[in-house]
Amino acid sequence: MILETQELVSCEDFLRGCRKIKSFMIDKEFYSPTLSSYALNITECENIEV
């Protein structure tokens, strides 16, 4: 499968968003430990983002 430029940019945006959501949720662990624990299952793919 070959991705177009815009599709690659969309993938990069999605991965960056996932990383930011994970960071945000972990920072809010005090307020919602259960919800924050779900963030631990989000895999960061910074090497693919670039």
N, C-alpha and C. Protein backbone atom coordinates (compact mmCIF):
# COMPACT_ATOMS: atom_id res chain seq x y z
N MET A 1 0.84 -1.17 0.00
CA MET A 1 0.00 0.00 0.00
C MET A 1 0.90 1.24 0.00
N ILE A 2 0.61 2.18 -0.82
CA ILE A 2 1.37 3.42 -0.90
C ILE A 2 0.48 4.55 -0.41
N LEU A 3 1.02 5.35 0.53
CA LEU A 3 0.25 6.45 1.09
C LEU A 3 0.61 7.75 0.39
N GLU A 4 -0.39 8.57 0.20
CA GLU A 4 -0.18 9.90 -0.35
C GLU A 4 0.39 10.80 0.76
N THR A 5 0.93 11.92 0.36
CA THR A 5 1.53 12.86 1.31
C THR A 5 0.56 13.25 2.40
N GLN A 6 -0.66 13.61 2.04
CA GLN A 6 -1.65 14.04 3.03
C GLN A 6 -2.01 12.90 3.99
N GLU A 7 -2.01 11.68 3.51
CA GLU A 7 -2.30 10.54 4.37
C GLU A 7 -1.18 10.34 5.40
N LEU A 8 0.06 10.54 4.99
CA LEU A 8 1.18 10.44 5.92
C LEU A 8 1.11 11.54 6.97
N VAL A 9 0.76 12.74 6.55
CA VAL A 9 0.62 13.86 7.48
C VAL A 9 -0.51 13.56 8.48
N SER A 10 -1.58 12.98 8.01
CA SER A 10 -2.70 12.63 8.89
C SER A 10 -2.27 11.58 9.92
N CYS A 11 -1.48 10.62 9.50
CA CYS A 11 -0.96 9.60 10.43
C CYS A 11 -0.07 10.25 11.48
N GLU A 12 0.79 11.16 11.04
CA GLU A 12 1.67 11.87 11.96
C GLU A 12 0.85 12.67 12.98
N ASP A 13 -0.16 13.36 12.51
CA ASP A 13 -1.02 14.14 13.41
C ASP A 13 -1.72 13.24 14.42
N PHE A 14 -2.21 12.10 13.96
CA PHE A 14 -2.89 11.16 14.86
C PHE A 14 -1.94 10.65 15.94
N LEU A 15 -0.74 10.25 15.54
CA LEU A 15 0.23 9.73 16.51
C LEU A 15 0.65 10.80 17.51
N ARG A 16 0.84 12.02 17.05
CA ARG A 16 1.19 13.12 17.94
C ARG A 16 0.04 13.37 18.92
N GLY A 17 -1.18 13.33 18.43
CA GLY A 17 -2.35 13.51 19.28
C GLY A 17 -2.45 12.44 20.36
N CYS A 18 -2.19 11.20 19.98
CA CYS A 18 -2.21 10.10 20.95
C CYS A 18 -1.17 10.32 22.04
N ARG A 19 0.01 10.76 21.65
CA ARG A 19 1.08 11.00 22.62
C ARG A 19 0.68 12.13 23.58
N LYS A 20 0.07 13.18 23.05
CA LYS A 20 -0.35 14.30 23.89
C LYS A 20 -1.49 13.90 24.83
N ILE A 21 -2.42 13.10 24.34
CA ILE A 21 -3.52 12.62 25.18
C ILE A 21 -2.97 11.76 26.32
N LYS A 22 -2.01 10.90 25.99
CA LYS A 22 -1.40 10.05 27.01
C LYS A 22 -0.75 10.90 28.10
N SER A 23 0.02 11.87 27.70
CA SER A 23 0.69 12.75 28.65
C SER A 23 -0.33 13.50 29.52
N PHE A 24 -1.37 14.01 28.90
CA PHE A 24 -2.41 14.74 29.62
C PHE A 24 -3.10 13.84 30.64
N MET A 25 -3.46 12.64 30.23
CA MET A 25 -4.18 11.73 31.11
C MET A 25 -3.32 11.28 32.28
N ILE A 26 -2.04 11.06 32.04
CA ILE A 26 -1.15 10.64 33.13
C ILE A 26 -0.97 11.79 34.13
N ASP A 27 -0.91 13.02 33.62
CA ASP A 27 -0.79 14.18 34.51
C ASP A 27 -2.02 14.36 35.39
N LYS A 28 -3.15 13.87 34.98
CA LYS A 28 -4.41 14.03 35.73
C LYS A 28 -4.73 12.80 36.58
N GLU A 29 -3.74 12.00 36.88
CA GLU A 29 -3.95 10.76 37.62
C GLU A 29 -4.61 11.01 38.98
N PHE A 30 -4.26 12.12 39.63
CA PHE A 30 -4.83 12.44 40.93
C PHE A 30 -6.36 12.57 40.86
N TYR A 31 -6.87 13.15 39.79
CA TYR A 31 -8.30 13.39 39.66
C TYR A 31 -9.09 12.15 39.24
N SER A 32 -8.46 11.33 38.41
CA SER A 32 -9.16 10.15 37.91
C SER A 32 -8.18 9.00 37.67
N PRO A 33 -7.85 8.27 38.71
CA PRO A 33 -6.86 7.19 38.57
C PRO A 33 -7.27 6.12 37.56
N THR A 34 -8.54 5.79 37.51
CA THR A 34 -8.99 4.75 36.59
C THR A 34 -8.81 5.20 35.14
N LEU A 35 -9.27 6.38 34.84
CA LEU A 35 -9.14 6.91 33.48
C LEU A 35 -7.67 7.07 33.11
N SER A 36 -6.89 7.54 34.04
CA SER A 36 -5.46 7.73 33.81
C SER A 36 -4.76 6.40 33.52
N SER A 37 -5.22 5.34 34.13
CA SER A 37 -4.59 4.03 33.91
C SER A 37 -4.75 3.56 32.47
N TYR A 38 -5.80 4.00 31.80
CA TYR A 38 -5.98 3.63 30.39
C TYR A 38 -4.87 4.21 29.52
N ALA A 39 -4.33 5.34 29.93
CA ALA A 39 -3.27 5.99 29.16
C ALA A 39 -2.02 5.13 29.09
N LEU A 40 -1.83 4.27 30.06
CA LEU A 40 -0.64 3.41 30.06
C LEU A 40 -0.65 2.43 28.88
N ASN A 41 -1.81 2.19 28.31
CA ASN A 41 -1.92 1.28 27.17
C ASN A 41 -1.68 1.95 25.83
N ILE A 42 -1.51 3.27 25.83
CA ILE A 42 -1.26 4.00 24.59
C ILE A 42 0.24 3.93 24.29
N THR A 43 0.58 3.37 23.16
CA THR A 43 1.98 3.24 22.76
C THR A 43 2.43 4.50 22.04
N GLU A 44 3.54 5.04 22.47
CA GLU A 44 4.10 6.22 21.81
C GLU A 44 4.98 5.77 20.65
N CYS A 45 4.84 6.44 19.53
CA CYS A 45 5.61 6.10 18.32
C CYS A 45 6.33 7.34 17.80
N GLU A 46 7.11 7.96 18.67
CA GLU A 46 7.78 9.21 18.29
C GLU A 46 8.69 9.04 17.09
N ASN A 47 9.31 7.87 16.94
CA ASN A 47 10.21 7.65 15.81
C ASN A 47 9.47 7.64 14.48
N ILE A 48 8.17 7.37 14.48
CA ILE A 48 7.38 7.39 13.27
C ILE A 48 6.83 8.78 12.99
N GLU A 49 6.62 9.56 14.06
CA GLU A 49 6.06 10.90 13.92
C GLU A 49 6.91 11.82 13.07
N VAL A 50 8.20 11.69 13.18
CA VAL A 50 9.10 12.65 12.52
C VAL A 50 9.12 12.51 11.05
